[in-house]
């Protein structure tokens, strides 16, 4: 048993020696994931700009209503129907024209012959173009 006791101080000295420093684990930087968005959510400007002059006016028949649309370049469209006017800013569209606000009002069409008017909390109206207006 004596040889075991003789080796004990060597084991204790070895156990008390500092170990080699361990390199910190390298982790990849976090990659920011863009927030999920609705597939058809338009990117809306802060507010319509009515200071642009009217560049074109078109008439539409939407159900029983007559709709007049005054386009201010591509920045805004003023829709007049049923005695009221709704100003909608232009929003990006895959094809055609699209004007929408944050309240759910949208005017979308391809060309000036056919369009759809969506108003907040109301059924969509199919609109048929009646032509340019003075």
N, C-alpha and C. Protein backbone atom coordinates (compact mmCIF):
# COMPACT_ATOMS: atom_id res chain seq x y z
N UNK A 1 0.79 -1.18 0.00
CA UNK A 1 0.00 0.00 0.00
C UNK A 1 0.84 1.26 0.00
N UNK A 2 1.98 1.10 0.37
CA UNK A 2 2.86 2.24 0.43
C UNK A 2 3.02 2.91 -0.93
N UNK A 3 3.15 2.18 -2.04
CA UNK A 3 3.31 2.86 -3.33
C UNK A 3 2.10 3.74 -3.67
N UNK A 4 0.91 3.39 -3.23
CA UNK A 4 -0.27 4.21 -3.52
C UNK A 4 -0.15 5.54 -2.78
N UNK A 5 0.28 5.49 -1.51
CA UNK A 5 0.44 6.73 -0.76
C UNK A 5 1.56 7.60 -1.33
N UNK A 6 2.55 6.97 -1.88
CA UNK A 6 3.66 7.74 -2.45
C UNK A 6 3.20 8.47 -3.71
N UNK A 7 2.29 7.92 -4.47
CA UNK A 7 1.81 8.54 -5.71
C UNK A 7 0.75 9.60 -5.44
N UNK A 8 0.14 9.55 -4.27
CA UNK A 8 -0.93 10.50 -3.94
C UNK A 8 -0.49 11.95 -4.02
N UNK A 9 0.66 12.38 -3.48
CA UNK A 9 1.06 13.78 -3.64
C UNK A 9 1.22 14.19 -5.10
N UNK A 10 1.68 13.28 -5.93
CA UNK A 10 1.82 13.60 -7.35
C UNK A 10 0.45 13.83 -8.00
N UNK A 11 -0.49 13.02 -7.63
CA UNK A 11 -1.84 13.18 -8.18
C UNK A 11 -2.46 14.48 -7.71
N UNK A 12 -2.24 14.83 -6.44
CA UNK A 12 -2.80 16.08 -5.92
C UNK A 12 -2.16 17.28 -6.59
N UNK A 13 -0.87 17.24 -6.80
CA UNK A 13 -0.18 18.36 -7.46
C UNK A 13 -0.68 18.48 -8.89
N UNK A 14 -0.87 17.37 -9.58
CA UNK A 14 -1.35 17.42 -10.96
C UNK A 14 -2.77 17.96 -11.02
N UNK A 15 -3.57 17.62 -10.05
CA UNK A 15 -4.96 18.07 -10.04
C UNK A 15 -5.05 19.56 -9.75
N UNK A 16 -4.10 20.13 -9.06
CA UNK A 16 -4.13 21.56 -8.71
C UNK A 16 -3.52 22.44 -9.79
N UNK A 17 -2.89 21.85 -10.78
CA UNK A 17 -2.28 22.65 -11.84
C UNK A 17 -3.38 23.30 -12.69
N UNK A 18 -3.12 24.52 -13.15
CA UNK A 18 -4.12 25.16 -14.01
C UNK A 18 -4.23 24.43 -15.33
N UNK A 19 -5.42 24.35 -15.83
CA UNK A 19 -5.62 23.68 -17.11
C UNK A 19 -5.48 24.69 -18.22
N UNK A 20 -5.32 24.23 -19.43
CA UNK A 20 -5.21 25.15 -20.55
C UNK A 20 -6.53 25.89 -20.70
N UNK A 21 -6.46 27.18 -21.02
CA UNK A 21 -7.72 27.91 -21.17
C UNK A 21 -8.52 27.36 -22.35
N UNK A 22 -9.77 27.28 -22.13
CA UNK A 22 -10.67 26.79 -23.17
C UNK A 22 -11.12 27.99 -23.98
N UNK A 23 -11.00 27.89 -25.28
CA UNK A 23 -11.43 28.99 -26.15
C UNK A 23 -12.94 29.13 -26.06
N UNK A 24 -13.41 30.36 -26.01
CA UNK A 24 -14.86 30.54 -25.94
C UNK A 24 -15.50 30.00 -27.21
N UNK A 25 -16.67 29.49 -27.03
CA UNK A 25 -17.40 28.95 -28.18
C UNK A 25 -17.72 30.09 -29.14
N UNK A 26 -17.50 29.84 -30.40
CA UNK A 26 -17.79 30.84 -31.42
C UNK A 26 -19.19 30.59 -31.93
N UNK A 27 -20.02 31.60 -31.83
CA UNK A 27 -21.38 31.46 -32.33
C UNK A 27 -21.58 32.41 -33.49
N UNK A 28 -22.41 32.02 -34.39
CA UNK A 28 -22.72 32.87 -35.54
C UNK A 28 -23.59 34.03 -35.07
N UNK A 29 -23.39 35.20 -35.66
CA UNK A 29 -24.23 36.33 -35.26
C UNK A 29 -25.68 36.04 -35.61
N UNK A 30 -26.55 36.58 -34.81
CA UNK A 30 -27.98 36.39 -35.05
C UNK A 30 -28.37 37.08 -36.35
N UNK A 31 -29.16 36.39 -37.13
CA UNK A 31 -29.64 36.97 -38.39
C UNK A 31 -31.04 37.48 -38.15
N UNK A 32 -31.24 38.74 -38.46
CA UNK A 32 -32.55 39.34 -38.27
C UNK A 32 -33.51 38.78 -39.30
N UNK A 33 -34.64 38.31 -38.84
CA UNK A 33 -35.68 37.81 -39.73
C UNK A 33 -36.70 38.90 -39.92
N UNK A 34 -36.99 39.27 -41.17
CA UNK A 34 -37.97 40.33 -41.37
C UNK A 34 -39.33 39.87 -40.87
N UNK A 35 -40.12 40.81 -40.35
CA UNK A 35 -41.43 40.42 -39.85
C UNK A 35 -42.32 39.95 -40.99
N UNK A 36 -43.13 38.97 -40.68
CA UNK A 36 -44.07 38.47 -41.69
C UNK A 36 -45.11 39.55 -41.97
N UNK A 37 -45.49 39.65 -43.22
CA UNK A 37 -46.51 40.62 -43.57
C UNK A 37 -47.58 39.94 -44.41
N UNK A 38 -48.72 40.53 -44.44
CA UNK A 38 -49.81 40.01 -45.25
C UNK A 38 -49.39 40.05 -46.71
N UNK A 39 -49.74 39.03 -47.49
CA UNK A 39 -49.26 39.00 -48.87
C UNK A 39 -49.78 40.14 -49.73
N UNK A 40 -50.90 40.74 -49.37
CA UNK A 40 -51.46 41.80 -50.19
C UNK A 40 -51.51 43.14 -49.45
N UNK A 41 -50.78 43.25 -48.39
CA UNK A 41 -50.82 44.49 -47.62
C UNK A 41 -50.11 45.59 -48.39
N UNK A 42 -50.81 46.64 -48.73
CA UNK A 42 -50.15 47.72 -49.47
C UNK A 42 -49.25 48.54 -48.59
N UNK A 43 -48.23 49.08 -49.19
CA UNK A 43 -47.35 50.00 -48.50
C UNK A 43 -47.93 51.40 -48.68
N UNK A 44 -48.41 51.97 -47.60
CA UNK A 44 -49.15 53.23 -47.70
C UNK A 44 -48.29 54.44 -47.40
N UNK A 45 -48.43 55.50 -48.21
CA UNK A 45 -47.76 56.75 -47.87
C UNK A 45 -48.40 57.37 -46.64
N UNK A 46 -47.73 58.33 -46.05
CA UNK A 46 -48.24 58.97 -44.83
C UNK A 46 -49.58 59.66 -45.07
N UNK A 47 -49.71 60.40 -46.15
CA UNK A 47 -50.96 61.11 -46.44
C UNK A 47 -51.01 61.45 -47.92
N UNK A 48 -52.22 61.50 -48.49
CA UNK A 48 -52.34 61.87 -49.88
C UNK A 48 -51.87 63.31 -50.10
N UNK A 49 -51.38 63.58 -51.29
CA UNK A 49 -50.89 64.92 -51.62
C UNK A 49 -51.83 65.54 -52.65
N UNK A 50 -52.80 66.31 -52.20
CA UNK A 50 -53.78 66.93 -53.09
C UNK A 50 -53.21 68.15 -53.80
N UNK A 51 -51.97 68.51 -53.52
CA UNK A 51 -51.39 69.69 -54.16
C UNK A 51 -51.03 69.43 -55.62
N UNK A 52 -50.94 68.17 -56.03
CA UNK A 52 -50.66 67.85 -57.42
C UNK A 52 -51.90 68.15 -58.26
N UNK A 53 -51.71 68.69 -59.47
CA UNK A 53 -52.87 68.98 -60.31
C UNK A 53 -53.52 67.70 -60.82
N UNK A 54 -54.79 67.79 -61.16
CA UNK A 54 -55.52 66.66 -61.73
C UNK A 54 -54.98 66.44 -63.14
N UNK A 55 -54.54 65.23 -63.42
CA UNK A 55 -53.98 64.91 -64.73
C UNK A 55 -54.97 64.19 -65.64
N UNK A 56 -55.99 63.56 -65.05
CA UNK A 56 -57.01 62.86 -65.84
C UNK A 56 -58.24 62.63 -64.98
N UNK A 57 -59.40 62.59 -65.65
CA UNK A 57 -60.67 62.25 -64.98
C UNK A 57 -61.35 61.16 -65.79
N UNK A 58 -61.86 60.16 -65.08
CA UNK A 58 -62.57 59.08 -65.73
C UNK A 58 -63.87 58.81 -64.99
N UNK A 59 -64.86 58.35 -65.74
CA UNK A 59 -66.14 57.96 -65.15
C UNK A 59 -66.27 56.45 -65.10
N UNK A 60 -66.98 55.97 -64.09
CA UNK A 60 -67.24 54.54 -63.92
C UNK A 60 -68.67 54.37 -63.45
N UNK A 61 -69.26 53.24 -63.77
CA UNK A 61 -70.55 52.85 -63.22
C UNK A 61 -70.28 51.67 -62.32
N UNK A 62 -70.58 51.83 -61.01
CA UNK A 62 -70.34 50.79 -60.00
C UNK A 62 -71.69 50.44 -59.39
N UNK A 63 -72.29 49.35 -59.85
CA UNK A 63 -73.63 48.99 -59.38
C UNK A 63 -74.60 50.09 -59.78
N UNK A 64 -75.30 50.66 -58.81
CA UNK A 64 -76.24 51.75 -59.08
C UNK A 64 -75.60 53.13 -58.94
N UNK A 65 -74.33 53.19 -58.61
CA UNK A 65 -73.66 54.46 -58.37
C UNK A 65 -72.81 54.88 -59.57
N UNK A 66 -72.73 56.18 -59.76
CA UNK A 66 -71.81 56.75 -60.74
C UNK A 66 -70.58 57.20 -59.96
N UNK A 67 -69.41 56.83 -60.45
CA UNK A 67 -68.15 57.14 -59.78
C UNK A 67 -67.32 58.00 -60.71
N UNK A 68 -66.81 59.09 -60.20
CA UNK A 68 -65.87 59.94 -60.94
C UNK A 68 -64.53 59.83 -60.24
N UNK A 69 -63.47 59.57 -61.02
CA UNK A 69 -62.14 59.45 -60.44
C UNK A 69 -61.25 60.53 -61.05
N UNK A 70 -60.71 61.39 -60.19
CA UNK A 70 -59.75 62.42 -60.61
C UNK A 70 -58.38 61.95 -60.17
N UNK A 71 -57.51 61.69 -61.16
CA UNK A 71 -56.16 61.21 -60.87
C UNK A 71 -55.22 62.40 -60.76
N UNK A 72 -54.42 62.43 -59.70
CA UNK A 72 -53.38 63.44 -59.49
C UNK A 72 -52.05 62.76 -59.81
N UNK A 73 -51.70 62.70 -61.09
CA UNK A 73 -50.51 61.95 -61.48
C UNK A 73 -50.68 60.52 -61.03
N UNK A 74 -49.64 59.94 -60.54
CA UNK A 74 -49.74 58.58 -59.97
C UNK A 74 -49.75 58.62 -58.45
N UNK A 75 -49.79 59.82 -57.86
CA UNK A 75 -49.69 59.93 -56.42
C UNK A 75 -50.98 59.73 -55.67
N UNK A 76 -52.12 60.08 -56.28
CA UNK A 76 -53.38 60.06 -55.56
C UNK A 76 -54.54 60.03 -56.53
N UNK A 77 -55.66 59.48 -56.09
CA UNK A 77 -56.91 59.51 -56.85
C UNK A 77 -58.02 59.97 -55.91
N UNK A 78 -58.83 60.91 -56.39
CA UNK A 78 -60.01 61.36 -55.63
C UNK A 78 -61.23 60.71 -56.25
N UNK A 79 -61.92 59.88 -55.47
CA UNK A 79 -63.11 59.18 -55.95
C UNK A 79 -64.34 59.90 -55.43
N UNK A 80 -65.22 60.32 -56.32
CA UNK A 80 -66.44 61.00 -55.92
C UNK A 80 -67.62 60.11 -56.30
N UNK A 81 -68.46 59.77 -55.32
CA UNK A 81 -69.63 58.93 -55.54
C UNK A 81 -70.60 59.14 -54.40
N UNK A 82 -71.87 58.99 -54.69
CA UNK A 82 -72.93 59.12 -53.67
C UNK A 82 -72.77 60.39 -52.84
N UNK A 83 -72.34 61.50 -53.47
CA UNK A 83 -72.26 62.78 -52.78
C UNK A 83 -71.07 62.96 -51.86
N UNK A 84 -70.11 62.10 -51.93
CA UNK A 84 -68.93 62.26 -51.08
C UNK A 84 -67.66 61.97 -51.89
N UNK A 85 -66.53 62.47 -51.40
CA UNK A 85 -65.25 62.28 -52.07
C UNK A 85 -64.31 61.54 -51.13
N UNK A 86 -63.63 60.56 -51.68
CA UNK A 86 -62.68 59.76 -50.94
C UNK A 86 -61.33 59.89 -51.63
N UNK A 87 -60.32 60.40 -50.92
CA UNK A 87 -58.97 60.55 -51.47
C UNK A 87 -58.13 59.35 -51.07
N UNK A 88 -57.59 58.67 -52.08
CA UNK A 88 -56.79 57.47 -51.82
C UNK A 88 -55.39 57.64 -52.39
N UNK A 89 -54.37 57.34 -51.62
CA UNK A 89 -52.99 57.40 -52.14
C UNK A 89 -52.70 56.19 -53.02
N UNK A 90 -51.81 56.38 -53.97
CA UNK A 90 -51.38 55.29 -54.84
C UNK A 90 -50.53 54.31 -54.04
N UNK A 91 -50.74 53.02 -54.27
CA UNK A 91 -49.93 51.98 -53.65
C UNK A 91 -49.42 51.05 -54.74
N UNK A 92 -48.32 50.38 -54.44
CA UNK A 92 -47.70 49.48 -55.40
C UNK A 92 -48.65 48.33 -55.72
N UNK A 93 -48.66 47.96 -56.99
CA UNK A 93 -49.49 46.87 -57.45
C UNK A 93 -48.69 46.00 -58.40
N UNK A 94 -48.96 44.71 -58.38
CA UNK A 94 -48.27 43.80 -59.28
C UNK A 94 -48.58 44.13 -60.73
N UNK A 95 -49.80 44.51 -61.00
CA UNK A 95 -50.19 44.96 -62.33
C UNK A 95 -51.42 45.83 -62.18
N UNK A 96 -51.58 46.76 -63.07
CA UNK A 96 -52.73 47.65 -63.02
C UNK A 96 -52.51 48.79 -62.06
N UNK A 97 -53.60 49.49 -61.76
CA UNK A 97 -53.53 50.63 -60.83
C UNK A 97 -54.17 50.23 -59.51
N UNK A 98 -53.63 50.76 -58.44
CA UNK A 98 -54.18 50.45 -57.11
C UNK A 98 -54.02 51.69 -56.23
N UNK A 99 -55.13 52.11 -55.65
CA UNK A 99 -55.16 53.23 -54.71
C UNK A 99 -55.85 52.70 -53.46
N UNK A 100 -55.26 52.92 -52.30
CA UNK A 100 -55.82 52.35 -51.07
C UNK A 100 -55.42 53.18 -49.87
N UNK A 101 -56.23 53.09 -48.82
CA UNK A 101 -55.87 53.74 -47.56
C UNK A 101 -55.83 52.70 -46.45
N UNK A 102 -55.42 53.12 -45.28
CA UNK A 102 -55.28 52.21 -44.15
C UNK A 102 -56.62 51.77 -43.57
N UNK A 103 -57.71 52.36 -44.03
CA UNK A 103 -59.04 52.02 -43.50
C UNK A 103 -59.72 50.90 -44.27
N UNK A 104 -59.07 50.37 -45.30
CA UNK A 104 -59.67 49.28 -46.07
C UNK A 104 -60.37 49.72 -47.33
N UNK A 105 -60.27 50.99 -47.69
CA UNK A 105 -60.86 51.49 -48.93
C UNK A 105 -59.84 51.30 -50.05
N UNK A 106 -60.27 50.69 -51.16
CA UNK A 106 -59.36 50.39 -52.26
C UNK A 106 -60.07 50.59 -53.59
N UNK A 107 -59.35 51.14 -54.55
CA UNK A 107 -59.80 51.23 -55.93
C UNK A 107 -58.73 50.57 -56.77
N UNK A 108 -59.09 49.48 -57.48
CA UNK A 108 -58.11 48.69 -58.22
C UNK A 108 -58.65 48.42 -59.61
N UNK A 109 -57.80 48.60 -60.60
CA UNK A 109 -58.22 48.30 -61.97
C UNK A 109 -57.05 48.02 -62.87
N UNK A 110 -57.36 47.41 -64.00
CA UNK A 110 -56.38 47.19 -65.06
C UNK A 110 -56.91 47.97 -66.26
N UNK A 111 -56.24 49.07 -66.54
CA UNK A 111 -56.76 49.95 -67.59
C UNK A 111 -57.91 50.77 -67.04
N UNK A 112 -58.69 51.36 -67.94
CA UNK A 112 -59.79 52.21 -67.49
C UNK A 112 -61.16 51.61 -67.80
N UNK A 113 -61.19 50.37 -68.31
CA UNK A 113 -62.47 49.75 -68.65
C UNK A 113 -63.13 49.03 -67.48
N UNK A 114 -62.34 48.38 -66.63
CA UNK A 114 -62.87 47.60 -65.51
C UNK A 114 -62.11 47.96 -64.24
N UNK A 115 -62.82 48.04 -63.13
CA UNK A 115 -62.18 48.32 -61.83
C UNK A 115 -63.03 47.71 -60.72
N UNK A 116 -62.47 47.67 -59.54
CA UNK A 116 -63.18 47.21 -58.35
C UNK A 116 -63.04 48.26 -57.27
N UNK A 117 -64.17 48.62 -56.67
CA UNK A 117 -64.19 49.57 -55.55
C UNK A 117 -64.50 48.79 -54.29
N UNK A 118 -63.58 48.81 -53.35
CA UNK A 118 -63.77 48.16 -52.05
C UNK A 118 -63.83 49.26 -51.00
N UNK A 119 -64.94 49.30 -50.27
CA UNK A 119 -65.07 50.29 -49.21
C UNK A 119 -65.13 49.58 -47.87
N UNK A 120 -64.64 50.28 -46.86
CA UNK A 120 -64.58 49.72 -45.51
C UNK A 120 -65.94 49.17 -45.11
N UNK A 121 -65.96 47.91 -44.71
CA UNK A 121 -67.16 47.24 -44.18
C UNK A 121 -68.31 47.17 -45.17
N UNK A 122 -68.04 47.20 -46.49
CA UNK A 122 -69.08 47.07 -47.50
C UNK A 122 -68.64 46.06 -48.54
N UNK A 123 -69.60 45.52 -49.27
CA UNK A 123 -69.28 44.55 -50.32
C UNK A 123 -68.55 45.26 -51.46
N UNK A 124 -67.64 44.55 -52.12
CA UNK A 124 -66.92 45.09 -53.26
C UNK A 124 -67.90 45.38 -54.40
N UNK A 125 -67.62 46.43 -55.15
CA UNK A 125 -68.43 46.80 -56.31
C UNK A 125 -67.60 46.65 -57.57
N UNK A 126 -68.13 45.94 -58.55
CA UNK A 126 -67.49 45.86 -59.86
C UNK A 126 -67.87 47.12 -60.61
N UNK A 127 -66.86 47.77 -61.20
CA UNK A 127 -67.08 49.03 -61.90
C UNK A 127 -66.72 48.88 -63.38
N UNK A 128 -67.53 49.50 -64.23
CA UNK A 128 -67.27 49.51 -65.66
C UNK A 128 -66.97 50.94 -66.07
N UNK A 129 -65.87 51.13 -66.79
CA UNK A 129 -65.48 52.46 -67.21
C UNK A 129 -66.45 53.03 -68.24
N UNK A 130 -66.77 54.31 -68.09
CA UNK A 130 -67.65 55.00 -69.05
C UNK A 130 -66.85 55.96 -69.91
N UNK A 131 -65.56 56.12 -69.63
CA UNK A 131 -64.70 56.94 -70.47
C UNK A 131 -64.15 58.16 -69.78
N UNK A 132 -63.27 58.88 -70.50
CA UNK A 132 -62.67 60.09 -69.93
C UNK A 132 -63.70 61.20 -69.76
N UNK A 133 -63.46 62.05 -68.77
CA UNK A 133 -64.34 63.19 -68.48
C UNK A 133 -63.55 64.48 -68.66
N UNK A 134 -64.26 65.57 -68.97
CA UNK A 134 -63.55 66.87 -69.11
C UNK A 134 -63.01 67.36 -67.79
